[in-house]
Amino acid sequence: MEIISKHFPELTTHQYNQFTLLPELYQDWNSKINVLSRKDIESLLEKHVLHSLAIAKFIQFSPGTKILDIGTGGGFPGIPLAIFFPETEFLLVDSIGKKIKVVEEIKNACGLQNVRCINARAESVKEKFDFVVSRAVAEFSTLYNWSINKILNQNKNSLPNGIICLKGGDLTEELQLFEKQIQTVNLLDYFSEEFFTTKKLVYLPVTKK
């Protein structure tokens, strides 16, 4: 847990305890339903939890903010963000039922009242949200098409409503269509660990401030 508390010393005891539960919970569930690679399970706190929390370095969500996590997989970035922002509402969506089963169980074990999980394709979600988040789930243009009609017009945060995603590698070609509006942050600006060398946060405002 040192890697989390080092970067987020402001955690409450309750949040610290919730984060402490995650490695054992994922190890247990992964042995029954394979949602993460064995290698990733061994470095879960760095490669999944801390990686997800890069979004919390970028923006502090206001109470009552609604977030859609598209293609949540094993619950990333949604579960770590829901622990960090207990007054923010999260809907975690994935088209693979076994993954949502694991996420539901982990949500319950952590006592997260601010999380809903559904087994569905992103296109079928009819609600609207302040932000759509995701982690390496699809090409940015695809994510944009899934998200564009799901963003609320009214802003309540320090940044305009939009899409925040975590990606890796060279994104030049992928982001070409959006280069004038998009903001990209190297995660080494937030975290010094080697894993984050090629990792980036991408933010596209969809509404006007």
N, C-alpha and C. Protein backbone atom coordinates (compact mmCIF):
# COMPACT_ATOMS: atom_id res chain seq x y z
N MET A 1 0.81 -1.22 0.00
CA MET A 1 0.00 0.00 0.00
C MET A 1 0.84 1.27 0.00
N GLU A 2 2.15 1.12 0.28
CA GLU A 2 3.02 2.31 0.34
C GLU A 2 2.97 3.11 -0.96
N ILE A 3 2.86 2.40 -2.09
CA ILE A 3 2.89 3.09 -3.39
C ILE A 3 1.68 4.02 -3.55
N ILE A 4 0.54 3.64 -2.96
CA ILE A 4 -0.66 4.48 -3.05
C ILE A 4 -0.56 5.64 -2.06
N SER A 5 -0.21 5.34 -0.81
CA SER A 5 -0.17 6.40 0.21
C SER A 5 0.96 7.39 -0.05
N LYS A 6 2.01 6.94 -0.74
CA LYS A 6 3.11 7.85 -1.11
C LYS A 6 2.60 8.96 -2.03
N HIS A 7 1.79 8.59 -3.00
CA HIS A 7 1.30 9.56 -3.97
C HIS A 7 0.02 10.26 -3.52
N PHE A 8 -0.69 9.63 -2.57
CA PHE A 8 -1.96 10.21 -2.08
C PHE A 8 -1.98 10.19 -0.55
N PRO A 9 -1.15 11.02 0.08
CA PRO A 9 -1.08 11.02 1.55
C PRO A 9 -2.36 11.51 2.21
N GLU A 10 -3.25 12.12 1.42
CA GLU A 10 -4.49 12.68 1.99
C GLU A 10 -5.59 11.65 2.21
N LEU A 11 -5.36 10.38 1.88
CA LEU A 11 -6.38 9.35 2.05
C LEU A 11 -6.86 9.27 3.50
N THR A 12 -8.17 9.08 3.67
CA THR A 12 -8.70 8.83 5.01
C THR A 12 -8.37 7.39 5.41
N THR A 13 -8.51 7.08 6.68
CA THR A 13 -8.28 5.70 7.14
C THR A 13 -9.21 4.73 6.43
N HIS A 14 -10.45 5.15 6.24
CA HIS A 14 -11.44 4.30 5.57
C HIS A 14 -11.01 4.01 4.13
N GLN A 15 -10.58 5.05 3.41
CA GLN A 15 -10.12 4.85 2.03
C GLN A 15 -8.88 3.96 1.99
N TYR A 16 -7.96 4.21 2.91
CA TYR A 16 -6.75 3.39 2.98
C TYR A 16 -7.11 1.92 3.15
N ASN A 17 -8.06 1.66 4.05
CA ASN A 17 -8.48 0.27 4.31
C ASN A 17 -9.15 -0.35 3.09
N GLN A 18 -9.93 0.45 2.37
CA GLN A 18 -10.58 -0.06 1.14
C GLN A 18 -9.53 -0.42 0.09
N PHE A 19 -8.54 0.45 -0.10
CA PHE A 19 -7.47 0.15 -1.07
C PHE A 19 -6.67 -1.09 -0.64
N THR A 20 -6.48 -1.25 0.66
CA THR A 20 -5.73 -2.40 1.19
C THR A 20 -6.42 -3.72 0.86
N LEU A 21 -7.75 -3.70 0.76
CA LEU A 21 -8.52 -4.92 0.45
C LEU A 21 -8.30 -5.41 -0.99
N LEU A 22 -7.97 -4.50 -1.89
CA LEU A 22 -8.01 -4.82 -3.33
C LEU A 22 -7.09 -5.95 -3.77
N PRO A 23 -5.79 -5.99 -3.37
CA PRO A 23 -4.94 -7.07 -3.89
C PRO A 23 -5.46 -8.46 -3.56
N GLU A 24 -5.89 -8.66 -2.32
CA GLU A 24 -6.38 -9.99 -1.94
C GLU A 24 -7.70 -10.33 -2.65
N LEU A 25 -8.58 -9.34 -2.77
CA LEU A 25 -9.86 -9.57 -3.46
C LEU A 25 -9.63 -9.96 -4.92
N TYR A 26 -8.76 -9.22 -5.59
CA TYR A 26 -8.51 -9.53 -7.01
C TYR A 26 -7.80 -10.86 -7.17
N GLN A 27 -6.89 -11.16 -6.26
CA GLN A 27 -6.19 -12.46 -6.33
C GLN A 27 -7.18 -13.60 -6.20
N ASP A 28 -8.08 -13.45 -5.22
CA ASP A 28 -9.08 -14.49 -4.97
C ASP A 28 -10.01 -14.65 -6.17
N TRP A 29 -10.57 -13.54 -6.67
CA TRP A 29 -11.50 -13.63 -7.78
C TRP A 29 -10.82 -14.04 -9.08
N ASN A 30 -9.59 -13.63 -9.26
CA ASN A 30 -8.87 -13.98 -10.48
C ASN A 30 -8.58 -15.47 -10.57
N SER A 31 -8.47 -16.11 -9.41
CA SER A 31 -8.24 -17.56 -9.40
C SER A 31 -9.50 -18.32 -9.85
N LYS A 32 -10.67 -17.67 -9.71
CA LYS A 32 -11.95 -18.31 -10.12
C LYS A 32 -12.37 -17.88 -11.52
N ILE A 33 -12.24 -16.58 -11.77
CA ILE A 33 -12.64 -16.00 -13.06
C ILE A 33 -11.48 -15.14 -13.54
N ASN A 34 -10.82 -15.54 -14.59
CA ASN A 34 -9.61 -14.84 -15.03
C ASN A 34 -9.95 -13.50 -15.69
N VAL A 35 -9.70 -12.39 -14.95
CA VAL A 35 -9.95 -11.07 -15.53
C VAL A 35 -8.66 -10.26 -15.73
N LEU A 36 -7.59 -10.65 -15.03
CA LEU A 36 -6.30 -9.98 -15.17
C LEU A 36 -5.21 -11.03 -15.34
N SER A 37 -4.11 -10.67 -15.99
CA SER A 37 -3.02 -11.63 -16.13
C SER A 37 -2.35 -11.84 -14.77
N ARG A 38 -1.73 -13.00 -14.60
CA ARG A 38 -1.06 -13.32 -13.32
C ARG A 38 0.03 -12.29 -13.01
N LYS A 39 0.74 -11.87 -14.06
CA LYS A 39 1.80 -10.88 -13.90
C LYS A 39 1.24 -9.55 -13.37
N ASP A 40 0.07 -9.17 -13.90
CA ASP A 40 -0.56 -7.92 -13.47
C ASP A 40 -1.09 -8.01 -12.04
N ILE A 41 -1.55 -9.19 -11.66
CA ILE A 41 -2.05 -9.38 -10.28
C ILE A 41 -0.93 -9.09 -9.28
N GLU A 42 0.29 -9.52 -9.63
CA GLU A 42 1.43 -9.33 -8.73
C GLU A 42 1.79 -7.85 -8.55
N SER A 43 1.49 -7.03 -9.54
CA SER A 43 1.77 -5.59 -9.40
C SER A 43 0.49 -4.77 -9.55
N LEU A 44 -0.59 -5.29 -8.98
CA LEU A 44 -1.92 -4.69 -9.11
C LEU A 44 -1.96 -3.24 -8.66
N LEU A 45 -1.33 -2.94 -7.51
CA LEU A 45 -1.43 -1.59 -6.97
C LEU A 45 -0.78 -0.55 -7.89
N GLU A 46 0.32 -0.93 -8.51
CA GLU A 46 0.99 0.02 -9.42
C GLU A 46 0.32 0.07 -10.79
N LYS A 47 0.15 -1.11 -11.41
CA LYS A 47 -0.27 -1.16 -12.81
C LYS A 47 -1.76 -0.92 -13.03
N HIS A 48 -2.56 -1.10 -11.99
CA HIS A 48 -4.01 -0.94 -12.15
C HIS A 48 -4.58 0.15 -11.23
N VAL A 49 -4.27 0.06 -9.94
CA VAL A 49 -4.87 1.00 -8.99
C VAL A 49 -4.26 2.39 -9.15
N LEU A 50 -2.94 2.50 -9.03
CA LEU A 50 -2.28 3.80 -9.16
C LEU A 50 -2.49 4.38 -10.56
N HIS A 51 -2.41 3.53 -11.56
CA HIS A 51 -2.65 3.98 -12.94
C HIS A 51 -4.04 4.63 -13.05
N SER A 52 -5.04 3.99 -12.48
CA SER A 52 -6.41 4.53 -12.51
C SER A 52 -6.48 5.88 -11.79
N LEU A 53 -5.73 6.00 -10.70
CA LEU A 53 -5.78 7.22 -9.88
C LEU A 53 -5.06 8.40 -10.52
N ALA A 54 -4.41 8.20 -11.67
CA ALA A 54 -3.85 9.34 -12.41
C ALA A 54 -4.95 10.36 -12.70
N ILE A 55 -6.18 9.87 -12.90
CA ILE A 55 -7.31 10.77 -13.18
C ILE A 55 -7.58 11.68 -11.98
N ALA A 56 -7.33 11.16 -10.77
CA ALA A 56 -7.52 11.97 -9.55
C ALA A 56 -6.44 13.02 -9.38
N LYS A 57 -5.30 12.84 -10.06
CA LYS A 57 -4.26 13.88 -10.08
C LYS A 57 -4.64 14.99 -11.07
N PHE A 58 -5.37 14.60 -12.10
CA PHE A 58 -5.73 15.53 -13.17
C PHE A 58 -6.92 16.40 -12.80
N ILE A 59 -7.91 15.82 -12.12
CA ILE A 59 -9.14 16.54 -11.77
C ILE A 59 -9.69 16.04 -10.44
N GLN A 60 -10.19 16.97 -9.65
CA GLN A 60 -10.90 16.63 -8.42
C GLN A 60 -12.40 16.74 -8.72
N PHE A 61 -13.09 15.61 -8.81
CA PHE A 61 -14.52 15.65 -9.15
C PHE A 61 -15.33 16.28 -8.01
N SER A 62 -16.26 17.16 -8.37
CA SER A 62 -17.15 17.77 -7.39
C SER A 62 -18.16 16.74 -6.90
N PRO A 63 -18.66 16.88 -5.65
CA PRO A 63 -19.72 15.99 -5.16
C PRO A 63 -20.91 15.99 -6.13
N GLY A 64 -21.46 14.80 -6.37
CA GLY A 64 -22.61 14.67 -7.26
C GLY A 64 -22.27 14.50 -8.73
N THR A 65 -20.98 14.57 -9.07
CA THR A 65 -20.55 14.34 -10.46
C THR A 65 -20.91 12.91 -10.88
N LYS A 66 -21.36 12.76 -12.11
CA LYS A 66 -21.72 11.43 -12.64
C LYS A 66 -20.67 10.99 -13.66
N ILE A 67 -20.14 9.78 -13.45
CA ILE A 67 -19.05 9.26 -14.30
C ILE A 67 -19.48 7.92 -14.92
N LEU A 68 -19.21 7.77 -16.21
CA LEU A 68 -19.41 6.50 -16.90
C LEU A 68 -18.05 5.90 -17.23
N ASP A 69 -17.80 4.70 -16.74
CA ASP A 69 -16.55 3.97 -17.05
C ASP A 69 -16.87 2.94 -18.13
N ILE A 70 -16.43 3.23 -19.35
CA ILE A 70 -16.72 2.35 -20.50
C ILE A 70 -15.65 1.28 -20.61
N GLY A 71 -16.10 0.02 -20.73
CA GLY A 71 -15.16 -1.11 -20.86
C GLY A 71 -14.32 -1.25 -19.61
N THR A 72 -14.99 -1.28 -18.46
CA THR A 72 -14.31 -1.25 -17.16
C THR A 72 -13.43 -2.49 -16.91
N GLY A 73 -13.69 -3.58 -17.62
CA GLY A 73 -12.88 -4.80 -17.43
C GLY A 73 -13.00 -5.29 -16.00
N GLY A 74 -11.88 -5.33 -15.29
CA GLY A 74 -11.90 -5.76 -13.88
C GLY A 74 -12.27 -4.65 -12.91
N GLY A 75 -12.72 -3.49 -13.44
CA GLY A 75 -13.13 -2.39 -12.57
C GLY A 75 -12.17 -1.21 -12.57
N PHE A 76 -11.45 -1.04 -13.68
CA PHE A 76 -10.46 0.04 -13.78
C PHE A 76 -10.76 0.95 -14.97
N PRO A 77 -10.78 2.25 -14.76
CA PRO A 77 -10.39 2.97 -13.54
C PRO A 77 -11.47 3.16 -12.50
N GLY A 78 -12.68 2.63 -12.74
CA GLY A 78 -13.83 2.97 -11.91
C GLY A 78 -13.73 2.67 -10.43
N ILE A 79 -13.28 1.47 -10.06
CA ILE A 79 -13.25 1.09 -8.64
C ILE A 79 -12.28 1.98 -7.83
N PRO A 80 -11.01 2.14 -8.25
CA PRO A 80 -10.13 3.03 -7.49
C PRO A 80 -10.66 4.47 -7.41
N LEU A 81 -11.25 4.97 -8.50
CA LEU A 81 -11.79 6.33 -8.49
C LEU A 81 -12.99 6.44 -7.56
N ALA A 82 -13.81 5.40 -7.50
CA ALA A 82 -14.98 5.41 -6.62
C ALA A 82 -14.57 5.43 -5.15
N ILE A 83 -13.47 4.74 -4.83
CA ILE A 83 -12.94 4.79 -3.46
C ILE A 83 -12.43 6.20 -3.17
N PHE A 84 -11.73 6.78 -4.12
CA PHE A 84 -11.12 8.09 -3.93
C PHE A 84 -12.16 9.21 -3.87
N PHE A 85 -13.24 9.07 -4.66
CA PHE A 85 -14.28 10.10 -4.72
C PHE A 85 -15.62 9.50 -4.23
N PRO A 86 -15.80 9.35 -2.92
CA PRO A 86 -17.01 8.69 -2.40
C PRO A 86 -18.31 9.45 -2.68
N GLU A 87 -18.20 10.75 -3.02
CA GLU A 87 -19.43 11.54 -3.28
C GLU A 87 -19.70 11.70 -4.77
N THR A 88 -18.99 10.94 -5.57
CA THR A 88 -19.19 10.93 -7.03
C THR A 88 -19.89 9.63 -7.41
N GLU A 89 -20.81 9.70 -8.38
CA GLU A 89 -21.57 8.51 -8.80
C GLU A 89 -20.91 7.87 -10.03
N PHE A 90 -20.74 6.55 -9.95
CA PHE A 90 -20.07 5.82 -11.04
C PHE A 90 -20.98 4.74 -11.61
N LEU A 91 -21.01 4.66 -12.95
CA LEU A 91 -21.63 3.52 -13.63
C LEU A 91 -20.52 2.81 -14.39
N LEU A 92 -20.26 1.55 -14.03
CA LEU A 92 -19.21 0.75 -14.66
C LEU A 92 -19.86 -0.22 -15.64
N VAL A 93 -19.42 -0.15 -16.90
CA VAL A 93 -20.06 -0.91 -17.97
C VAL A 93 -19.03 -1.79 -18.67
N ASP A 94 -19.40 -3.05 -18.90
CA ASP A 94 -18.56 -3.93 -19.72
C ASP A 94 -19.46 -4.93 -20.42
N SER A 95 -19.07 -5.30 -21.65
CA SER A 95 -19.89 -6.24 -22.43
C SER A 95 -19.64 -7.70 -22.04
N ILE A 96 -18.61 -7.93 -21.20
CA ILE A 96 -18.29 -9.31 -20.80
C ILE A 96 -18.84 -9.57 -19.40
N GLY A 97 -19.81 -10.46 -19.33
CA GLY A 97 -20.54 -10.71 -18.08
C GLY A 97 -19.69 -11.15 -16.92
N LYS A 98 -18.69 -12.02 -17.17
CA LYS A 98 -17.88 -12.53 -16.05
C LYS A 98 -17.06 -11.42 -15.41
N LYS A 99 -16.66 -10.44 -16.20
CA LYS A 99 -15.90 -9.32 -15.65
C LYS A 99 -16.78 -8.47 -14.74
N ILE A 100 -18.00 -8.22 -15.19
CA ILE A 100 -18.93 -7.43 -14.37
C ILE A 100 -19.28 -8.17 -13.08
N LYS A 101 -19.35 -9.49 -13.13
CA LYS A 101 -19.60 -10.28 -11.90
C LYS A 101 -18.49 -10.02 -10.88
N VAL A 102 -17.24 -10.04 -11.34
CA VAL A 102 -16.10 -9.79 -10.45
C VAL A 102 -16.16 -8.37 -9.88
N VAL A 103 -16.44 -7.41 -10.75
CA VAL A 103 -16.50 -6.01 -10.32
C VAL A 103 -17.60 -5.81 -9.27
N GLU A 104 -18.75 -6.43 -9.50
CA GLU A 104 -19.87 -6.35 -8.55
C GLU A 104 -19.47 -6.90 -7.18
N GLU A 105 -18.78 -8.03 -7.18
CA GLU A 105 -18.35 -8.65 -5.92
C GLU A 105 -17.31 -7.77 -5.21
N ILE A 106 -16.40 -7.19 -5.95
CA ILE A 106 -15.36 -6.34 -5.34
C ILE A 106 -15.99 -5.05 -4.81
N LYS A 107 -16.92 -4.50 -5.57
CA LYS A 107 -17.66 -3.32 -5.12
C LYS A 107 -18.35 -3.59 -3.78
N ASN A 108 -19.01 -4.73 -3.68
CA ASN A 108 -19.73 -5.09 -2.45
C ASN A 108 -18.77 -5.32 -1.29
N ALA A 109 -17.66 -6.00 -1.56
CA ALA A 109 -16.67 -6.29 -0.50
C ALA A 109 -16.05 -5.00 0.05
N CYS A 110 -15.93 -3.98 -0.80
CA CYS A 110 -15.36 -2.69 -0.37
C CYS A 110 -16.43 -1.75 0.20
N GLY A 111 -17.70 -2.17 0.12
CA GLY A 111 -18.78 -1.35 0.65
C GLY A 111 -19.00 -0.06 -0.13
N LEU A 112 -18.82 -0.12 -1.45
CA LEU A 112 -18.96 1.08 -2.28
C LEU A 112 -20.43 1.33 -2.63
N GLN A 113 -20.99 2.38 -2.03
CA GLN A 113 -22.40 2.72 -2.26
C GLN A 113 -22.59 3.61 -3.49
N ASN A 114 -21.49 4.10 -4.03
CA ASN A 114 -21.56 5.07 -5.14
C ASN A 114 -21.28 4.44 -6.51
N VAL A 115 -21.39 3.10 -6.58
CA VAL A 115 -21.06 2.38 -7.82
C VAL A 115 -22.22 1.51 -8.26
N ARG A 116 -22.55 1.59 -9.56
CA ARG A 116 -23.45 0.62 -10.19
C ARG A 116 -22.67 -0.08 -11.30
N CYS A 117 -22.98 -1.34 -11.54
CA CYS A 117 -22.28 -2.12 -12.58
C CYS A 117 -23.32 -2.74 -13.50
N ILE A 118 -23.10 -2.63 -14.80
CA ILE A 118 -24.02 -3.31 -15.72
C ILE A 118 -23.25 -4.03 -16.82
N ASN A 119 -23.77 -5.18 -17.19
CA ASN A 119 -23.23 -5.97 -18.29
C ASN A 119 -23.95 -5.50 -19.56
N ALA A 120 -23.29 -4.64 -20.33
CA ALA A 120 -23.92 -4.07 -21.53
C ALA A 120 -22.84 -3.50 -22.43
N ARG A 121 -23.22 -3.27 -23.68
CA ARG A 121 -22.34 -2.56 -24.59
C ARG A 121 -22.49 -1.06 -24.35
N ALA A 122 -21.44 -0.33 -24.53
CA ALA A 122 -21.46 1.11 -24.26
C ALA A 122 -22.57 1.81 -25.05
N GLU A 123 -22.79 1.37 -26.29
CA GLU A 123 -23.77 2.02 -27.16
C GLU A 123 -25.18 1.95 -26.59
N SER A 124 -25.46 0.95 -25.75
CA SER A 124 -26.82 0.76 -25.24
C SER A 124 -27.14 1.60 -24.01
N VAL A 125 -26.14 2.27 -23.44
CA VAL A 125 -26.37 3.10 -22.25
C VAL A 125 -27.08 4.38 -22.66
N LYS A 126 -28.23 4.65 -22.01
CA LYS A 126 -29.05 5.80 -22.40
C LYS A 126 -28.87 7.01 -21.49
N GLU A 127 -28.27 6.83 -20.31
CA GLU A 127 -28.11 7.94 -19.37
C GLU A 127 -27.07 8.94 -19.86
N LYS A 128 -27.05 10.10 -19.18
CA LYS A 128 -26.03 11.12 -19.49
C LYS A 128 -25.16 11.36 -18.27
N PHE A 129 -23.91 11.75 -18.53
CA PHE A 129 -22.89 11.86 -17.47
C PHE A 129 -22.07 13.14 -17.65
N ASP A 130 -21.38 13.52 -16.57
CA ASP A 130 -20.47 14.66 -16.66
C ASP A 130 -19.19 14.26 -17.41
N PHE A 131 -18.70 13.07 -17.10
CA PHE A 131 -17.47 12.59 -17.75
C PHE A 131 -17.60 11.12 -18.13
N VAL A 132 -16.99 10.76 -19.24
CA VAL A 132 -16.77 9.36 -19.59
C VAL A 132 -15.29 9.09 -19.35
N VAL A 133 -14.98 8.00 -18.63
CA VAL A 133 -13.59 7.60 -18.42
C VAL A 133 -13.37 6.21 -19.00
N SER A 134 -12.12 5.91 -19.34
CA SER A 134 -11.80 4.56 -19.80
C SER A 134 -10.30 4.36 -19.75
N ARG A 135 -9.92 3.10 -19.82
CA ARG A 135 -8.49 2.77 -19.77
C ARG A 135 -8.17 1.79 -20.90
N ALA A 136 -7.53 2.32 -21.94
CA ALA A 136 -7.04 1.50 -23.05
C ALA A 136 -8.08 0.53 -23.60
N VAL A 137 -9.31 1.03 -23.76
CA VAL A 137 -10.37 0.11 -24.18
C VAL A 137 -10.62 0.12 -25.69
N ALA A 138 -10.34 1.22 -26.36
CA ALA A 138 -10.61 1.32 -27.80
C ALA A 138 -9.83 2.50 -28.38
N GLU A 139 -9.75 2.53 -29.70
CA GLU A 139 -9.19 3.71 -30.38
C GLU A 139 -9.97 4.94 -29.92
N PHE A 140 -9.30 6.09 -29.86
CA PHE A 140 -9.96 7.28 -29.31
C PHE A 140 -11.19 7.68 -30.13
N SER A 141 -11.12 7.56 -31.46
CA SER A 141 -12.27 7.94 -32.28
C SER A 141 -13.48 7.06 -31.99
N THR A 142 -13.25 5.78 -31.71
CA THR A 142 -14.34 4.87 -31.34
C THR A 142 -14.92 5.27 -29.99
N LEU A 143 -14.05 5.53 -29.03
CA LEU A 143 -14.49 5.97 -27.70
C LEU A 143 -15.31 7.26 -27.80
N TYR A 144 -14.85 8.16 -28.65
CA TYR A 144 -15.57 9.42 -28.88
C TYR A 144 -16.98 9.15 -29.41
N ASN A 145 -17.09 8.26 -30.38
CA ASN A 145 -18.41 7.95 -30.95
C ASN A 145 -19.34 7.31 -29.93
N TRP A 146 -18.79 6.48 -29.05
CA TRP A 146 -19.59 5.86 -27.98
C TRP A 146 -20.06 6.90 -26.97
N SER A 147 -19.24 7.94 -26.77
CA SER A 147 -19.43 8.86 -25.64
C SER A 147 -20.19 10.13 -25.96
N ILE A 148 -20.12 10.59 -27.19
CA ILE A 148 -20.51 11.95 -27.53
C ILE A 148 -21.95 12.29 -27.14
N ASN A 149 -22.87 11.33 -27.24
CA ASN A 149 -24.27 11.64 -26.90
C ASN A 149 -24.61 11.29 -25.45
N LYS A 150 -23.56 11.02 -24.64
CA LYS A 150 -23.78 10.66 -23.24
C LYS A 150 -23.26 11.73 -22.27
N ILE A 151 -22.83 12.87 -22.80
CA ILE A 151 -22.23 13.91 -21.97
C ILE A 151 -23.25 15.01 -21.67
N LEU A 152 -23.42 15.32 -20.39
CA LEU A 152 -24.32 16.40 -19.96
C LEU A 152 -23.78 17.76 -20.40
N ASN A 153 -24.67 18.69 -20.70
CA ASN A 153 -24.25 20.02 -21.14
C ASN A 153 -23.84 20.92 -19.98
N GLN A 154 -24.47 20.72 -18.82
CA GLN A 154 -24.22 21.59 -17.66
C GLN A 154 -22.94 21.18 -16.94
N ASN A 155 -22.00 22.11 -16.78
CA ASN A 155 -20.73 21.80 -16.11
C ASN A 155 -20.81 22.11 -14.61
N LYS A 156 -20.24 21.21 -13.79
CA LYS A 156 -20.19 21.49 -12.34
C LYS A 156 -18.77 21.30 -11.78
N ASN A 157 -17.80 21.05 -12.66
CA ASN A 157 -16.43 20.82 -12.23
C ASN A 157 -15.50 21.92 -12.72
N SER A 158 -14.23 21.85 -12.32
CA SER A 158 -13.26 22.87 -12.70
C SER A 158 -12.92 22.80 -14.19
N LEU A 159 -13.16 21.66 -14.80
CA LEU A 159 -12.95 21.48 -16.24
C LEU A 159 -14.28 21.19 -16.92
N PRO A 160 -14.46 21.59 -18.18
CA PRO A 160 -15.69 21.26 -18.89
C PRO A 160 -15.89 19.74 -18.99
N ASN A 161 -17.15 19.32 -19.00
CA ASN A 161 -17.48 17.91 -19.15
C ASN A 161 -16.85 17.34 -20.42
N GLY A 162 -16.49 16.05 -20.36
CA GLY A 162 -15.87 15.46 -21.54
C GLY A 162 -15.39 14.05 -21.31
N ILE A 163 -14.37 13.67 -22.05
CA ILE A 163 -13.83 12.31 -22.05
C ILE A 163 -12.41 12.34 -21.46
N ILE A 164 -12.16 11.46 -20.50
CA ILE A 164 -10.82 11.32 -19.92
C ILE A 164 -10.42 9.86 -20.06
N CYS A 165 -9.33 9.60 -20.75
CA CYS A 165 -8.92 8.20 -20.88
C CYS A 165 -7.42 8.04 -20.64
N LEU A 166 -7.05 6.83 -20.26
CA LEU A 166 -5.67 6.47 -19.98
C LEU A 166 -5.17 5.58 -21.10
N LYS A 167 -4.05 5.98 -21.69
CA LYS A 167 -3.52 5.24 -22.84
C LYS A 167 -2.01 5.16 -22.76
N GLY A 168 -1.41 4.34 -23.63
CA GLY A 168 0.04 4.21 -23.67
C GLY A 168 0.57 4.29 -25.09
N GLY A 169 1.89 4.49 -25.19
CA GLY A 169 2.53 4.46 -26.50
C GLY A 169 2.40 5.76 -27.29
N ASP A 170 2.70 5.67 -28.58
CA ASP A 170 2.65 6.83 -29.47
C ASP A 170 1.22 7.04 -29.96
N LEU A 171 0.63 8.16 -29.58
CA LEU A 171 -0.78 8.41 -29.89
C LEU A 171 -0.96 9.42 -31.04
N THR A 172 0.15 9.80 -31.68
CA THR A 172 0.11 10.87 -32.69
C THR A 172 -0.97 10.63 -33.74
N GLU A 173 -0.94 9.46 -34.33
CA GLU A 173 -1.90 9.16 -35.41
C GLU A 173 -3.31 9.03 -34.87
N GLU A 174 -3.44 8.34 -33.74
CA GLU A 174 -4.76 8.08 -33.16
C GLU A 174 -5.49 9.37 -32.78
N LEU A 175 -4.74 10.38 -32.34
CA LEU A 175 -5.37 11.61 -31.85
C LEU A 175 -5.38 12.74 -32.89
N GLN A 176 -4.94 12.43 -34.09
CA GLN A 176 -4.78 13.46 -35.13
C GLN A 176 -6.04 14.28 -35.38
N LEU A 177 -7.19 13.60 -35.44
CA LEU A 177 -8.45 14.29 -35.71
C LEU A 177 -8.83 15.28 -34.63
N PHE A 178 -8.31 15.06 -33.41
CA PHE A 178 -8.74 15.86 -32.26
C PHE A 178 -7.64 16.78 -31.73
N GLU A 179 -6.53 16.87 -32.46
CA GLU A 179 -5.33 17.49 -31.88
C GLU A 179 -5.52 18.94 -31.44
N LYS A 180 -6.47 19.66 -32.05
CA LYS A 180 -6.66 21.06 -31.67
C LYS A 180 -7.41 21.21 -30.35
N GLN A 181 -8.24 20.23 -30.00
CA GLN A 181 -9.06 20.36 -28.78
C GLN A 181 -8.51 19.56 -27.61
N ILE A 182 -7.67 18.60 -27.90
CA ILE A 182 -7.31 17.59 -26.89
C ILE A 182 -6.16 18.06 -25.99
N GLN A 183 -6.16 17.57 -24.76
CA GLN A 183 -5.04 17.81 -23.84
C GLN A 183 -4.44 16.46 -23.47
N THR A 184 -3.11 16.34 -23.58
CA THR A 184 -2.43 15.09 -23.24
C THR A 184 -1.44 15.36 -22.12
N VAL A 185 -1.45 14.47 -21.12
CA VAL A 185 -0.53 14.61 -19.97
C VAL A 185 0.31 13.34 -19.87
N ASN A 186 1.62 13.49 -19.78
CA ASN A 186 2.49 12.33 -19.52
C ASN A 186 2.37 11.97 -18.04
N LEU A 187 2.12 10.69 -17.76
CA LEU A 187 1.90 10.30 -16.36
C LEU A 187 3.17 10.38 -15.52
N LEU A 188 4.33 10.51 -16.16
CA LEU A 188 5.55 10.76 -15.39
C LEU A 188 5.50 12.13 -14.71
N ASP A 189 4.59 13.00 -15.15
CA ASP A 189 4.38 14.27 -14.46
C ASP A 189 3.78 14.05 -13.08
N TYR A 190 3.11 12.92 -12.91
CA TYR A 190 2.45 12.60 -11.63
C TYR A 190 3.21 11.55 -10.83
N PHE A 191 3.71 10.52 -11.52
CA PHE A 191 4.29 9.35 -10.86
C PHE A 191 5.69 9.08 -11.41
N SER A 192 6.63 8.74 -10.53
CA SER A 192 8.02 8.54 -10.96
C SER A 192 8.34 7.10 -11.35
N GLU A 193 7.44 6.16 -11.07
CA GLU A 193 7.70 4.74 -11.34
C GLU A 193 7.88 4.48 -12.85
N GLU A 194 8.80 3.58 -13.17
CA GLU A 194 9.16 3.29 -14.57
C GLU A 194 7.97 2.87 -15.42
N PHE A 195 7.02 2.18 -14.81
CA PHE A 195 5.84 1.71 -15.53
C PHE A 195 5.14 2.84 -16.29
N PHE A 196 5.23 4.06 -15.76
CA PHE A 196 4.47 5.18 -16.32
C PHE A 196 5.22 5.92 -17.44
N THR A 197 6.39 5.43 -17.82
CA THR A 197 7.22 6.11 -18.83
C THR A 197 6.46 6.38 -20.12
N THR A 198 5.70 5.42 -20.59
CA THR A 198 5.00 5.59 -21.87
C THR A 198 3.50 5.84 -21.69
N LYS A 199 3.06 6.03 -20.46
CA LYS A 199 1.62 6.15 -20.18
C LYS A 199 1.18 7.62 -20.22
N LYS A 200 -0.03 7.81 -20.75
CA LYS A 200 -0.56 9.17 -20.91
C LYS A 200 -2.02 9.25 -20.47
N LEU A 201 -2.41 10.45 -20.06
CA LEU A 201 -3.83 10.76 -19.84
C LEU A 201 -4.25 11.68 -20.97
N VAL A 202 -5.41 11.37 -21.55
CA VAL A 202 -5.94 12.16 -22.67
C VAL A 202 -7.29 12.73 -22.26
N TYR A 203 -7.44 14.05 -22.41
CA TYR A 203 -8.70 14.72 -22.03
C TYR A 203 -9.23 15.49 -23.23
N LEU A 204 -10.51 15.23 -23.54
CA LEU A 204 -11.19 15.98 -24.60
C LEU A 204 -12.42 16.65 -24.01
N PRO A 205 -12.41 17.98 -23.90
CA PRO A 205 -13.64 18.66 -23.45
C PRO A 205 -14.72 18.53 -24.52
N VAL A 206 -15.93 18.24 -24.10
CA VAL A 206 -17.05 18.09 -25.06
C VAL A 206 -17.99 19.28 -24.94
N THR A 207 -18.06 19.89 -23.74
CA THR A 207 -18.90 21.06 -23.55
C THR A 207 -18.02 22.31 -23.43
N LYS A 208 -18.66 23.46 -23.49
CA LYS A 208 -17.93 24.73 -23.33
C LYS A 208 -17.99 25.18 -21.88
N LYS A 209 -16.91 25.77 -21.38
CA LYS A 209 -16.89 26.28 -20.01
C LYS A 209 -17.71 27.54 -19.92
